C-alpha atoms as a PDB file:
ATOM      1  CA  MET A   1    -147.408-152.999 -61.381  1.00  0.00           C
ATOM      2  CA  LEU A   2    -146.398-152.688 -57.745  1.00  0.00           C
ATOM      3  CA  ALA A   3    -148.870-151.737 -55.115  1.00  0.00           C
ATOM      4  CA  SER A   4    -148.971-148.152 -54.077  1.00  0.00           C
ATOM      5  CA  SER A   5    -148.241-149.094 -50.464  1.00  0.00           C
ATOM      6  CA  GLN A   6    -144.945-150.649 -51.501  1.00  0.00           C
ATOM      7  CA  ILE A   7    -143.730-147.694 -53.510  1.00  0.00           C
ATOM      8  CA  ARG A   8    -142.316-144.481 -52.020  1.00  0.00           C
ATOM      9  CA  PRO A   9    -141.086-141.529 -54.003  1.00  0.00           C
ATOM     10  CA  VAL A  10    -137.344-140.874 -53.982  1.00  0.00           C
ATOM     11  CA  ILE A  11    -136.383-137.271 -54.610  1.00  0.00           C
ATOM     12  CA  HIS A  12    -132.818-136.302 -55.595  1.00  0.00           C
ATOM     13  CA  ILE A  13    -132.189-132.938 -53.921  1.00  0.00           C
ATOM     14  CA  SER A  14    -129.233-130.822 -55.060  1.00  0.00           C
ATOM     15  CA  ASP A  15    -127.789-127.495 -53.978  1.00  0.00           C
ATOM     16  CA  ARG A  16    -128.439-126.116 -57.440  1.00  0.00           C
ATOM     17  CA  HIS A  17    -131.391-127.875 -59.063  1.00  0.00           C
ATOM     18  CA  LEU A  18    -134.080-130.440 -58.408  1.00  0.00           C
ATOM     19  CA  ILE A  19    -132.801-133.006 -60.855  1.00  0.00           C
ATOM     20  CA  GLN A  20    -135.255-135.908 -60.948  1.00  0.00           C
ATOM     21  CA  GLN A  21    -137.863-137.965 -59.132  1.00  0.00           C
ATOM     22  CA  VAL A  22    -137.522-141.747 -59.157  1.00  0.00           C
ATOM     23  CA  TYR A  23    -139.849-144.434 -57.784  1.00  0.00           C
ATOM     24  CA  LEU A  24    -138.145-147.412 -56.190  1.00  0.00           C
ATOM     25  CA  PRO A  25    -139.693-150.413 -54.481  1.00  0.00           C
ATOM     26  CA  GLU A  26    -139.434-150.432 -50.701  1.00  0.00           C
ATOM     27  CA  GLU A  27    -137.595-153.755 -50.623  1.00  0.00           C
ATOM     28  CA  ALA A  28    -135.012-152.639 -53.165  1.00  0.00           C
ATOM     29  CA  LYS A  29    -131.396-152.306 -52.005  1.00  0.00           C
ATOM     30  CA  THR A  30    -130.000-148.861 -51.517  1.00  0.00           C
ATOM     31  CA  ARG A  31    -127.530-147.925 -54.234  1.00  0.00           C
ATOM     32  CA  ARG A  32    -124.914-145.137 -54.159  1.00  0.00           C
ATOM     33  CA  VAL A  33    -125.736-142.505 -56.740  1.00  0.00           C
ATOM     34  CA  PHE A  34    -122.803-140.533 -58.206  1.00  0.00           C
ATOM     35  CA  SER A  35    -123.419-137.041 -59.406  1.00  0.00           C
ATOM     36  CA  PRO A  36    -121.087-134.385 -60.818  1.00  0.00           C
ATOM     37  CA  VAL A  37    -122.794-131.807 -58.638  1.00  0.00           C
ATOM     38  CA  LYS A  38    -120.683-130.362 -55.827  1.00  0.00           C
ATOM     39  CA  GLN A  39    -122.996-131.585 -53.054  1.00  0.00           C
ATOM     40  CA  SER A  40    -126.155-133.717 -53.410  1.00  0.00           C
ATOM     41  CA  LYS A  41    -128.419-135.618 -51.034  1.00  0.00           C
ATOM     42  CA  LEU A  42    -130.893-138.428 -51.693  1.00  0.00           C
ATOM     43  CA  PHE A  43    -133.867-138.690 -49.342  1.00  0.00           C
ATOM     44  CA  VAL A  44    -136.797-141.139 -49.089  1.00  0.00           C
ATOM     45  CA  LEU A  45    -139.971-139.151 -48.496  1.00  0.00           C
ATOM     46  CA  ASP A  46    -142.900-140.435 -46.556  1.00  0.00           C
ATOM     47  CA  THR A  47    -145.997-139.991 -48.714  1.00  0.00           C
ATOM     48  CA  GLU A  48    -148.243-139.529 -45.731  1.00  0.00           C
ATOM     49  CA  ASP A  49    -146.743-136.434 -44.076  1.00  0.00           C
ATOM     50  CA  GLY A  50    -144.337-135.304 -46.809  1.00  0.00           C
ATOM     51  CA  HIS A  51    -141.267-135.182 -44.527  1.00  0.00           C
ATOM     52  CA  PRO A  52    -138.063-137.120 -45.112  1.00  0.00           C
ATOM     53  CA  SER A  53    -137.991-140.350 -43.178  1.00  0.00           C
ATOM     54  CA  ALA A  54    -134.538-141.759 -44.017  1.00  0.00           C
ATOM     55  CA  LEU A  55    -131.281-140.619 -45.624  1.00  0.00           C
ATOM     56  CA  VAL A  56    -130.479-142.865 -48.523  1.00  0.00           C
ATOM     57  CA  SER A  57    -127.249-141.323 -49.964  1.00  0.00           C
ATOM     58  CA  GLU A  58    -125.012-138.293 -49.632  1.00  0.00           C
ATOM     59  CA  GLU A  59    -122.258-137.572 -52.105  1.00  0.00           C
ATOM     60  CA  GLU A  60    -119.757-134.757 -52.423  1.00  0.00           C
ATOM     61  CA  GLU A  61    -117.481-134.053 -55.282  1.00  0.00           C
ATOM     62  CA  ALA A  62    -113.930-135.004 -54.376  1.00  0.00           C
ATOM     63  CA  THR A  63    -111.389-132.260 -54.615  1.00  0.00           C
ATOM     64  CA  GLU A  64    -107.894-133.329 -55.433  1.00  0.00           C
ATOM     65  CA  ILE A  65    -105.194-131.341 -53.584  1.00  0.00           C
ATOM     66  CA  PRO A  66    -101.888-131.295 -55.375  1.00  0.00           C
ATOM     67  CA  VAL A  67     -99.052-132.733 -53.308  1.00  0.00           C
ATOM     68  CA  PRO A  68     -95.648-131.214 -53.919  1.00  0.00           C
ATOM     69  CA  ASN A  69     -93.182-133.574 -55.422  1.00  0.00           C
ATOM     70  CA  ASN A  70     -89.979-133.464 -53.411  1.00  0.00           C
ATOM     71  CA  GLU A  71     -88.088-135.332 -56.067  1.00  0.00           C
ATOM     72  CA  SER A  72     -88.574-132.518 -58.565  1.00  0.00           C
ATOM     73  CA  SER A  73     -86.896-129.917 -56.329  1.00  0.00           C
ATOM     74  CA  THR A  74     -83.436-129.015 -57.516  1.00  0.00           C
ATOM     75  CA  PHE A  75     -80.227-128.787 -55.542  1.00  0.00           C
ATOM     76  CA  LEU A  76     -80.099-124.993 -55.719  1.00  0.00           C
ATOM     77  CA  SER A  77     -83.541-124.656 -54.139  1.00  0.00           C
ATOM     78  CA  LYS A  78     -82.298-126.483 -51.027  1.00  0.00           C
ATOM     79  CA  TRP A  79     -78.861-124.828 -50.865  1.00  0.00           C
ATOM     80  CA  SER A  80     -78.360-121.742 -48.729  1.00  0.00           C
ATOM     81  CA  PRO A  81     -75.051-119.835 -48.768  1.00  0.00           C
ATOM     82  CA  PRO A  82     -72.887-120.105 -45.647  1.00  0.00           C
ATOM     83  CA  LYS A  83     -72.908-117.207 -43.232  1.00  0.00           C
ATOM     84  CA  TYR A  84     -69.333-116.120 -43.885  1.00  0.00           C
ATOM     85  CA  LEU A  85     -70.040-115.872 -47.628  1.00  0.00           C
ATOM     86  CA  TRP A  86     -73.044-113.574 -47.507  1.00  0.00           C
ATOM     87  CA  ARG A  87     -71.481-111.555 -44.703  1.00  0.00           C
ATOM     88  CA  GLY A  88     -68.406-111.039 -46.843  1.00  0.00           C
ATOM     89  CA  LEU A  89     -70.616-109.911 -49.696  1.00  0.00           C
ATOM     90  CA  SER A  90     -72.447-107.571 -47.325  1.00  0.00           C
ATOM     91  CA  VAL A  91     -69.105-105.934 -46.445  1.00  0.00           C
ATOM     92  CA  LEU A  92     -68.433-105.212 -50.119  1.00  0.00           C
ATOM     93  CA  ILE A  93     -71.959-103.937 -50.746  1.00  0.00           C
ATOM     94  CA  LEU A  94     -71.906-101.769 -47.633  1.00  0.00           C
ATOM     95  CA  THR A  95     -68.529-100.306 -48.586  1.00  0.00           C
ATOM     96  CA  GLY A  96     -69.821 -99.354 -52.019  1.00  0.00           C
ATOM     97  CA  GLN A  97     -72.949 -97.770 -50.569  1.00  0.00           C
ATOM     98  CA  VAL A  98     -70.961 -95.722 -48.046  1.00  0.00           C
ATOM     99  CA  ILE A  99     -68.554 -94.447 -50.710  1.00  0.00           C
ATOM    100  CA  THR A 100     -71.382 -93.585 -53.102  1.00  0.00           C
ATOM    101  CA  ARG A 101     -73.456 -91.766 -50.511  1.00  0.00           C
ATOM    102  CA  THR A 102     -70.459 -89.893 -49.149  1.00  0.00           C
ATOM    103  CA  ILE A 103     -69.575 -88.650 -52.631  1.00  0.00           C
ATOM    104  CA  ASN A 104     -73.200 -87.626 -53.200  1.00  0.00           C
ATOM    105  CA  GLY A 105     -73.222 -85.716 -49.904  1.00  0.00           C
ATOM    106  CA  LYS A 106     -75.863 -87.882 -48.198  1.00  0.00           C
ATOM    107  CA  ILE A 107     -74.319 -87.609 -44.738  1.00  0.00           C
ATOM    108  CA  HIS A 108     -76.182 -87.288 -41.458  1.00  0.00           C
ATOM    109  CA  TRP A 109     -73.887 -84.741 -39.809  1.00  0.00           C
ATOM    110  CA  LYS A 110     -75.468 -84.833 -36.363  1.00  0.00           C
ATOM    111  CA  ASN A 111     -74.931 -88.576 -36.023  1.00  0.00           C
ATOM    112  CA  THR A 112     -71.456 -88.221 -37.516  1.00  0.00           C
ATOM    113  CA  LEU A 113     -70.422 -85.705 -34.850  1.00  0.00           C
ATOM    114  CA  GLN A 114     -71.853 -87.900 -32.100  1.00  0.00           C
ATOM    115  CA  GLN A 115     -69.946 -90.930 -33.339  1.00  0.00           C
ATOM    116  CA  LEU A 116     -66.797 -88.839 -33.815  1.00  0.00           C
ATOM    117  CA  GLU A 117     -66.927 -87.801 -30.169  1.00  0.00           C
ATOM    118  CA  ARG A 118     -67.437 -91.399 -29.180  1.00  0.00           C
ATOM    119  CA  VAL A 119     -64.570 -92.797 -31.259  1.00  0.00           C
ATOM    120  CA  GLY A 120     -62.153 -89.926 -30.606  1.00  0.00           C
ATOM    121  CA  PRO A 121     -62.219 -88.139 -27.226  1.00  0.00           C
ATOM    122  CA  LYS A 122     -63.882 -90.981 -25.323  1.00  0.00           C
ATOM    123  CA  SER A 123     -61.246 -93.445 -26.544  1.00  0.00           C
ATOM    124  CA  VAL A 124     -58.179 -91.298 -25.886  1.00  0.00           C
ATOM    125  CA  GLY A 125     -57.551 -92.500 -22.341  1.00  0.00           C
ATOM    126  CA  VAL A 126     -57.412 -96.223 -22.999  1.00  0.00           C
ATOM    127  CA  CYS A 127     -55.413 -95.725 -26.216  1.00  0.00           C
ATOM    128  CA  LEU A 128     -52.757 -93.567 -24.535  1.00  0.00           C
ATOM    129  CA  LEU A 129     -52.473 -95.896 -21.557  1.00  0.00           C
ATOM    130  CA  THR A 130     -52.020 -98.912 -23.803  1.00  0.00           C
ATOM    131  CA  SER A 131     -49.481 -97.132 -25.990  1.00  0.00           C
ATOM    132  CA  ALA A 132     -47.420 -96.026 -22.980  1.00  0.00           C
ATOM    133  CA  PHE A 133     -47.049 -99.530 -21.569  1.00  0.00           C
ATOM    134  CA  VAL A 134     -46.417-101.086 -24.976  1.00  0.00           C
ATOM    135  CA  GLY A 135     -43.648 -98.527 -25.535  1.00  0.00           C
ATOM    136  CA  MET A 136     -42.026 -99.250 -22.190  1.00  0.00           C
ATOM    137  CA  ALA A 137     -42.197-103.016 -22.754  1.00  0.00           C
ATOM    138  CA  PHE A 138     -40.655-102.593 -26.199  1.00  0.00           C
ATOM    139  CA  THR A 139     -37.903-100.425 -24.722  1.00  0.00           C
ATOM    140  CA  ILE A 140     -36.999-103.040 -22.124  1.00  0.00           C
ATOM    141  CA  GLN A 141     -36.666-105.713 -24.805  1.00  0.00           C
ATOM    142  CA  PHE A 142     -34.130-104.055 -27.079  1.00  0.00           C
ATOM    143  CA  VAL A 143     -32.442-101.118 -25.272  1.00  0.00           C
ATOM    144  CA  ARG A 144     -30.491-103.442 -23.002  1.00  0.00           C
ATOM    145  CA  GLU A 145     -29.128-105.221 -26.061  1.00  0.00           C
ATOM    146  CA  PHE A 146     -28.238-101.978 -27.823  1.00  0.00           C
ATOM    147  CA  THR A 147     -26.349-100.674 -24.807  1.00  0.00           C
ATOM    148  CA  ARG A 148     -24.194-103.813 -24.739  1.00  0.00           C
ATOM    149  CA  LEU A 149     -23.305-103.233 -28.384  1.00  0.00           C
ATOM    150  CA  GLY A 150     -22.536 -99.565 -27.789  1.00  0.00           C
ATOM    151  CA  LEU A 151     -25.397 -98.342 -29.988  1.00  0.00           C
ATOM    152  CA  ASN A 152     -26.841 -95.862 -27.540  1.00  0.00           C
ATOM    153  CA  ARG A 153     -27.253 -93.192 -30.208  1.00  0.00           C
ATOM    154  CA  SER A 154     -29.414 -95.504 -32.331  1.00  0.00           C
ATOM    155  CA  VAL A 155     -32.015 -96.153 -29.621  1.00  0.00           C
ATOM    156  CA  GLY A 156     -34.094 -93.062 -30.409  1.00  0.00           C
ATOM    157  CA  GLY A 157     -34.144 -93.785 -34.141  1.00  0.00           C
ATOM    158  CA  VAL A 158     -35.248 -97.388 -33.636  1.00  0.00           C
ATOM    159  CA  LEU A 159     -37.993 -96.313 -31.247  1.00  0.00           C
ATOM    160  CA  ALA A 160     -39.240 -93.613 -33.619  1.00  0.00           C
ATOM    161  CA  LEU A 161     -39.318 -95.908 -36.644  1.00  0.00           C
ATOM    162  CA  ALA A 162     -40.973 -98.751 -34.751  1.00  0.00           C
ATOM    163  CA  PHE A 163     -43.672 -96.527 -33.290  1.00  0.00           C
ATOM    164  CA  SER A 164     -44.405 -94.542 -36.436  1.00  0.00           C
ATOM    165  CA  ARG A 165     -44.457 -97.432 -38.884  1.00  0.00           C
ATOM    166  CA  GLU A 166     -45.994-100.270 -36.870  1.00  0.00           C
ATOM    167  CA  LEU A 167     -46.689 -99.979 -33.167  1.00  0.00           C
ATOM    168  CA  SER A 168     -48.759 -96.805 -32.999  1.00  0.00           C
ATOM    169  CA  PRO A 169     -51.249 -97.512 -35.831  1.00  0.00           C
ATOM    170  CA  VAL A 170     -51.596-101.218 -35.017  1.00  0.00           C
ATOM    171  CA  VAL A 171     -51.943-100.838 -31.237  1.00  0.00           C
ATOM    172  CA  THR A 172     -54.406 -97.968 -31.609  1.00  0.00           C
ATOM    173  CA  SER A 173     -56.497 -99.937 -34.090  1.00  0.00           C
ATOM    174  CA  ILE A 174     -56.561-103.001 -31.836  1.00  0.00           C
ATOM    175  CA  VAL A 175     -57.833-100.932 -28.919  1.00  0.00           C
ATOM    176  CA  VAL A 176     -60.465 -99.233 -31.073  1.00  0.00           C
ATOM    177  CA  ALA A 177     -61.562-102.571 -32.538  1.00  0.00           C
ATOM    178  CA  GLY A 178     -62.113-103.988 -29.066  1.00  0.00           C
ATOM    179  CA  ARG A 179     -63.869-100.925 -27.704  1.00  0.00           C
ATOM    180  CA  ILE A 180     -65.682 -99.306 -30.641  1.00  0.00           C
ATOM    181  CA  GLY A 181     -66.029-102.171 -33.110  1.00  0.00           C
ATOM    182  CA  SER A 182     -67.753-104.385 -30.576  1.00  0.00           C
ATOM    183  CA  ALA A 183     -70.104-101.537 -29.657  1.00  0.00           C
ATOM    184  CA  PHE A 184     -71.006-100.926 -33.312  1.00  0.00           C
ATOM    185  CA  ALA A 185     -71.769-104.596 -33.914  1.00  0.00           C
ATOM    186  CA  ALA A 186     -73.814-104.947 -30.714  1.00  0.00           C
ATOM    187  CA  GLU A 187     -75.857-101.798 -31.338  1.00  0.00           C
ATOM    188  CA  LEU A 188     -76.721-102.531 -34.946  1.00  0.00           C
ATOM    189  CA  GLY A 189     -77.307-106.198 -34.160  1.00  0.00           C
ATOM    190  CA  THR A 190     -79.797-105.295 -31.438  1.00  0.00           C
ATOM    191  CA  MET A 191     -81.539-102.864 -33.769  1.00  0.00           C
ATOM    192  CA  GLN A 192     -81.712-105.537 -36.456  1.00  0.00           C
ATOM    193  CA  VAL A 193     -83.237-108.283 -34.303  1.00  0.00           C
ATOM    194  CA  SER A 194     -85.691-105.823 -32.730  1.00  0.00           C
ATOM    195  CA  GLU A 195     -86.717-104.569 -36.214  1.00  0.00           C
ATOM    196  CA  GLN A 196     -85.699-100.973 -35.539  1.00  0.00           C
ATOM    197  CA  THR A 197     -83.959-100.802 -38.910  1.00  0.00           C
ATOM    198  CA  ASP A 198     -87.261-101.742 -40.568  1.00  0.00           C
ATOM    199  CA  THR A 199     -88.897 -98.911 -38.640  1.00  0.00           C
ATOM    200  CA  LEU A 200     -86.372 -96.481 -40.104  1.00  0.00           C
ATOM    201  CA  ARG A 201     -87.265 -97.656 -43.598  1.00  0.00           C
ATOM    202  CA  VAL A 202     -90.965 -97.208 -42.863  1.00  0.00           C
ATOM    203  CA  LEU A 203     -90.279 -93.653 -41.684  1.00  0.00           C
ATOM    204  CA  GLY A 204     -88.450 -92.934 -44.934  1.00  0.00           C
ATOM    205  CA  ALA A 205     -84.891 -92.900 -43.521  1.00  0.00           C
ATOM    206  CA  ASN A 206     -82.162 -94.971 -45.119  1.00  0.00           C
ATOM    207  CA  PRO A 207     -80.350 -97.061 -42.461  1.00  0.00           C
ATOM    208  CA  VAL A 208     -77.071 -96.721 -44.362  1.00  0.00           C
ATOM    209  CA  ASP A 209     -77.245 -92.917 -44.235  1.00  0.00           C
ATOM    210  CA  TYR A 210     -78.455 -92.799 -40.652  1.00  0.00           C
ATOM    211  CA  LEU A 211     -76.457 -95.606 -39.009  1.00  0.00           C
ATOM    212  CA  VAL A 212     -73.547 -96.864 -41.111  1.00  0.00           C
ATOM    213  CA  THR A 213     -72.047 -93.845 -42.884  1.00  0.00           C
ATOM    214  CA  PRO A 214     -71.614 -91.726 -39.696  1.00  0.00           C
ATOM    215  CA  ARG A 215     -69.767 -94.573 -37.976  1.00  0.00           C
ATOM    216  CA  VAL A 216     -67.453 -95.194 -40.915  1.00  0.00           C
ATOM    217  CA  LEU A 217     -66.599 -91.508 -41.336  1.00  0.00           C
ATOM    218  CA  ALA A 218     -66.031 -91.048 -37.606  1.00  0.00           C
ATOM    219  CA  SER A 219     -63.639 -93.997 -37.479  1.00  0.00           C
ATOM    220  CA  CYS A 220     -61.671 -92.869 -40.530  1.00  0.00           C
ATOM    221  CA  ILE A 221     -61.326 -89.326 -39.159  1.00  0.00           C
ATOM    222  CA  ALA A 222     -60.560 -90.136 -35.512  1.00  0.00           C
ATOM    223  CA  LEU A 223     -58.034 -92.963 -35.972  1.00  0.00           C
ATOM    224  CA  PRO A 224     -55.220 -90.807 -37.480  1.00  0.00           C
ATOM    225  CA  PHE A 225     -55.404 -88.307 -34.604  1.00  0.00           C
ATOM    226  CA  LEU A 226     -55.438 -91.098 -32.038  1.00  0.00           C
ATOM    227  CA  THR A 227     -52.402 -92.614 -33.746  1.00  0.00           C
ATOM    228  CA  LEU A 228     -50.470 -89.338 -33.538  1.00  0.00           C
ATOM    229  CA  MET A 229     -51.223 -89.006 -29.840  1.00  0.00           C
ATOM    230  CA  CYS A 230     -50.277 -92.624 -29.188  1.00  0.00           C
ATOM    231  CA  PHE A 231     -47.017 -92.103 -31.057  1.00  0.00           C
ATOM    232  CA  THR A 232     -46.175 -89.094 -28.898  1.00  0.00           C
ATOM    233  CA  VAL A 233     -47.034 -90.801 -25.610  1.00  0.00           C
ATOM    234  CA  GLY A 234     -45.220 -93.992 -26.592  1.00  0.00           C
ATOM    235  CA  MET A 235     -42.047 -92.113 -27.476  1.00  0.00           C
ATOM    236  CA  ALA A 236     -42.219 -90.091 -24.262  1.00  0.00           C
ATOM    237  CA  SER A 237     -42.680 -93.130 -22.027  1.00  0.00           C
ATOM    238  CA  SER A 238     -39.870 -95.000 -23.790  1.00  0.00           C
ATOM    239  CA  ALA A 239     -37.493 -92.053 -23.472  1.00  0.00           C
ATOM    240  CA  LEU A 240     -38.255 -91.672 -19.765  1.00  0.00           C
ATOM    241  CA  LEU A 241     -37.691 -95.377 -19.132  1.00  0.00           C
ATOM    242  CA  ALA A 242     -34.447 -95.440 -21.123  1.00  0.00           C
ATOM    243  CA  ASP A 243     -33.167 -92.411 -19.228  1.00  0.00           C
ATOM    244  CA  SER A 244     -34.140 -93.618 -15.762  1.00  0.00           C
ATOM    245  CA  VAL A 245     -33.191 -97.297 -16.091  1.00  0.00           C
ATOM    246  CA  TYR A 246     -30.450 -97.524 -18.725  1.00  0.00           C
ATOM    247  CA  GLY A 247     -28.906 -94.072 -18.407  1.00  0.00           C
ATOM    248  CA  ILE A 248     -29.496 -92.967 -21.987  1.00  0.00           C
ATOM    249  CA  SER A 249     -30.163 -89.238 -22.077  1.00  0.00           C
ATOM    250  CA  ILE A 250     -33.517 -88.009 -23.330  1.00  0.00           C
ATOM    251  CA  ASN A 251     -31.745 -85.457 -25.534  1.00  0.00           C
ATOM    252  CA  ILE A 252     -29.805 -88.242 -27.271  1.00  0.00           C
ATOM    253  CA  ILE A 253     -33.009 -90.209 -27.868  1.00  0.00           C
ATOM    254  CA  LEU A 254     -34.894 -87.212 -29.263  1.00  0.00           C
ATOM    255  CA  ASP A 255     -31.975 -86.175 -31.486  1.00  0.00           C
ATOM    256  CA  SER A 256     -31.646 -89.697 -32.855  1.00  0.00           C
ATOM    257  CA  ALA A 257     -35.393 -89.906 -33.490  1.00  0.00           C
ATOM    258  CA  GLN A 258     -35.388 -86.576 -35.316  1.00  0.00           C
ATOM    259  CA  ARG A 259     -32.605 -87.672 -37.659  1.00  0.00           C
ATOM    260  CA  ALA A 260     -34.176 -91.078 -38.368  1.00  0.00           C
ATOM    261  CA  LEU A 261     -37.753 -89.965 -38.977  1.00  0.00           C
ATOM    262  CA  ARG A 262     -38.954 -88.740 -42.333  1.00  0.00           C
ATOM    263  CA  SER A 263     -42.210 -87.188 -43.364  1.00  0.00           C
ATOM    264  CA  TRP A 264     -43.240 -90.334 -45.229  1.00  0.00           C
ATOM    265  CA  ASP A 265     -43.099 -92.341 -41.996  1.00  0.00           C
ATOM    266  CA  ILE A 266     -45.779 -90.136 -40.428  1.00  0.00           C
ATOM    267  CA  ILE A 267     -47.858 -90.060 -43.622  1.00  0.00           C
ATOM    268  CA  SER A 268     -47.773 -93.846 -43.907  1.00  0.00           C
ATOM    269  CA  ALA A 269     -48.954 -94.127 -40.300  1.00  0.00           C
ATOM    270  CA  MET A 270     -51.901 -91.836 -41.095  1.00  0.00           C
ATOM    271  CA  ILE A 271     -52.821 -93.856 -44.180  1.00  0.00           C
ATOM    272  CA  LYS A 272     -52.654 -97.099 -42.234  1.00  0.00           C
ATOM    273  CA  SER A 273     -54.850 -95.652 -39.509  1.00  0.00           C
ATOM    274  CA  GLN A 274     -57.523 -94.592 -41.974  1.00  0.00           C
ATOM    275  CA  VAL A 275     -57.536 -98.009 -43.629  1.00  0.00           C
ATOM    276  CA  PHE A 276     -57.732 -99.736 -40.246  1.00  0.00           C
ATOM    277  CA  GLY A 277     -60.580 -97.462 -39.172  1.00  0.00           C
ATOM    278  CA  ALA A 278     -62.516 -98.277 -42.340  1.00  0.00           C
ATOM    279  CA  ILE A 279     -61.990-102.011 -41.792  1.00  0.00           C
ATOM    280  CA  ILE A 280     -63.166-101.845 -38.174  1.00  0.00           C
ATOM    281  CA  SER A 281     -66.278 -99.782 -38.868  1.00  0.00           C
ATOM    282  CA  VAL A 282     -67.422-101.505 -42.061  1.00  0.00           C
ATOM    283  CA  VAL A 283     -66.923-105.034 -40.725  1.00  0.00           C
ATOM    284  CA  SER A 284     -68.627-104.226 -37.424  1.00  0.00           C
ATOM    285  CA  CYS A 285     -71.599-102.557 -39.124  1.00  0.00           C
ATOM    286  CA  ALA A 286     -71.932-105.356 -41.680  1.00  0.00           C
ATOM    287  CA  TRP A 287     -71.888-108.009 -38.967  1.00  0.00           C
ATOM    288  CA  GLY A 288     -74.439-105.988 -37.004  1.00  0.00           C
ATOM    289  CA  VAL A 289     -76.993-105.521 -39.784  1.00  0.00           C
ATOM    290  CA  THR A 290     -76.792-109.224 -40.718  1.00  0.00           C
ATOM    291  CA  THR A 291     -77.477-110.456 -37.186  1.00  0.00           C
ATOM    292  CA  LEU A 292     -80.063-113.212 -36.746  1.00  0.00           C
ATOM    293  CA  GLY A 293     -81.278-115.228 -33.784  1.00  0.00           C
ATOM    294  CA  GLY A 294     -82.075-112.773 -31.008  1.00  0.00           C
ATOM    295  CA  ALA A 295     -79.749-112.112 -28.060  1.00  0.00           C
ATOM    296  CA  LYS A 296     -77.589-115.136 -28.832  1.00  0.00           C
ATOM    297  CA  GLY A 297     -77.094-113.926 -32.383  1.00  0.00           C
ATOM    298  CA  VAL A 298     -76.087-110.468 -31.133  1.00  0.00           C
ATOM    299  CA  GLY A 299     -73.375-111.968 -28.941  1.00  0.00           C
ATOM    300  CA  GLU A 300     -72.054-114.151 -31.738  1.00  0.00           C
ATOM    301  CA  SER A 301     -72.023-111.245 -34.192  1.00  0.00           C
ATOM    302  CA  THR A 302     -70.154-109.015 -31.735  1.00  0.00           C
ATOM    303  CA  THR A 303     -67.451-111.592 -31.065  1.00  0.00           C
ATOM    304  CA  SER A 304     -67.100-112.487 -34.724  1.00  0.00           C
ATOM    305  CA  ALA A 305     -66.917-108.822 -35.760  1.00  0.00           C
ATOM    306  CA  VAL A 306     -63.998-108.122 -33.413  1.00  0.00           C
ATOM    307  CA  VAL A 307     -62.101-111.232 -34.507  1.00  0.00           C
ATOM    308  CA  VAL A 308     -62.587-110.540 -38.216  1.00  0.00           C
ATOM    309  CA  SER A 309     -61.618-106.886 -37.717  1.00  0.00           C
ATOM    310  CA  LEU A 310     -58.354-107.854 -36.016  1.00  0.00           C
ATOM    311  CA  VAL A 311     -57.509-110.350 -38.745  1.00  0.00           C
ATOM    312  CA  GLY A 312     -58.285-107.722 -41.376  1.00  0.00           C
ATOM    313  CA  ILE A 313     -56.048-105.203 -39.586  1.00  0.00           C
ATOM    314  CA  PHE A 314     -53.073-107.568 -39.575  1.00  0.00           C
ATOM    315  CA  ILE A 315     -53.547-108.519 -43.226  1.00  0.00           C
ATOM    316  CA  ALA A 316     -53.894-104.883 -44.284  1.00  0.00           C
ATOM    317  CA  ASP A 317     -50.855-103.946 -42.197  1.00  0.00           C
ATOM    318  CA  PHE A 318     -48.715-106.482 -44.021  1.00  0.00           C
ATOM    319  CA  ALA A 319     -49.994-105.394 -47.437  1.00  0.00           C
ATOM    320  CA  LEU A 320     -49.470-101.687 -46.745  1.00  0.00           C
ATOM    321  CA  SER A 321     -46.041-102.205 -45.189  1.00  0.00           C
ATOM    322  CA  TYR A 322     -44.982-104.247 -48.192  1.00  0.00           C
ATOM    323  CA  CYS A 323     -46.122-101.464 -50.521  1.00  0.00           C
ATOM    324  CA  PHE A 324     -44.681 -98.565 -48.505  1.00  0.00           C
ATOM    325  CA  PHE A 325     -41.315 -99.925 -47.371  1.00  0.00           C
ATOM    326  CA  GLN A 326     -39.918-102.151 -50.084  1.00  0.00           C
ATOM    327  CA  GLY A 327     -36.204-102.530 -50.576  1.00  0.00           C
ATOM    328  CA  ALA A 328     -33.307-101.670 -48.290  1.00  0.00           C
ATOM    329  CA  GLY A 329     -33.722 -98.648 -46.030  1.00  0.00           C
ATOM    330  CA  ASP A 330     -31.133 -96.142 -44.861  1.00  0.00           C
ATOM    331  CA  SER A 331     -33.030 -94.357 -42.094  1.00  0.00           C
ATOM    332  CA  LEU A 332     -30.772 -95.617 -39.295  1.00  0.00           C
ATOM    333  CA  LYS A 333     -27.609 -94.470 -41.063  1.00  0.00           C
ATOM    334  CA  ASN A 334     -28.413 -90.889 -40.141  1.00  0.00           C
ATOM    335  CA  CYS A 335     -28.571 -91.632 -36.426  1.00  0.00           C
ATOM    336  CA  MET A 336     -25.494 -93.822 -36.001  1.00  0.00           C
END
């Protein structure tokens, strides 16, 4: 047996239990002891004072952290749809929501009246000014040719048909898209990046009812009236220019316009204006509520909303004109 002076007790101390007591010779080499316990320590105790004199071993249970395997990720998990795709889908979804809520009567009338004042009366000045100069420029281009051909009595009919079918609704919609559409996109984009739309949801208000539907209704209601006023101002400015510069009497122009125009020409202009107003408002609102990236994103959404609205106006104008005015027309025969 070993001498008592050469033997010191080794106590295995655990966080849970005192497992065992082992006697090792002092000259023996220190061995690492593995234990399934979460944390364990092995001390050599001094038999004289009973305090630990040296740390022999300390072992902790290794915890294996799972590492995600990038190879197992699929293609769809990495793919994100392009911006134009989900913005196009947002236009369709927003259109359906506006139609559904309008039919159900979920309309915020106070906001609708405010937006109607903004789209209508506050846009009259710039629309009428633009229409007047477009009418005079159009008159300069073709009246001089008609006078050389001796078709003075057809000038009024051509002006009336051009303004009612194309110029008035398209020019008015372009002005509104630049003035109102950009404002809609900028406002809703700022509210989106500053989380004001989330605040509306927290307060129990639906952003579509409170923000989108009033703007769409205001645009669809105001655009036809703006188109009628632009048609009147455009015809008046063209008649004054033709009378003062080319010597064609205003009475001849008005009589020719009255014989060439039909009720369907005015109705088609109203329908076009409503469609253009819906395109401007829905696209601008959809681009606004899908804005990301702070102030830079607001600027990009505003510019993109105006461009897409103008492209949509021209495409819709072609489609509606093709549907409304197919075949050979005889409107100018009445004013020859």
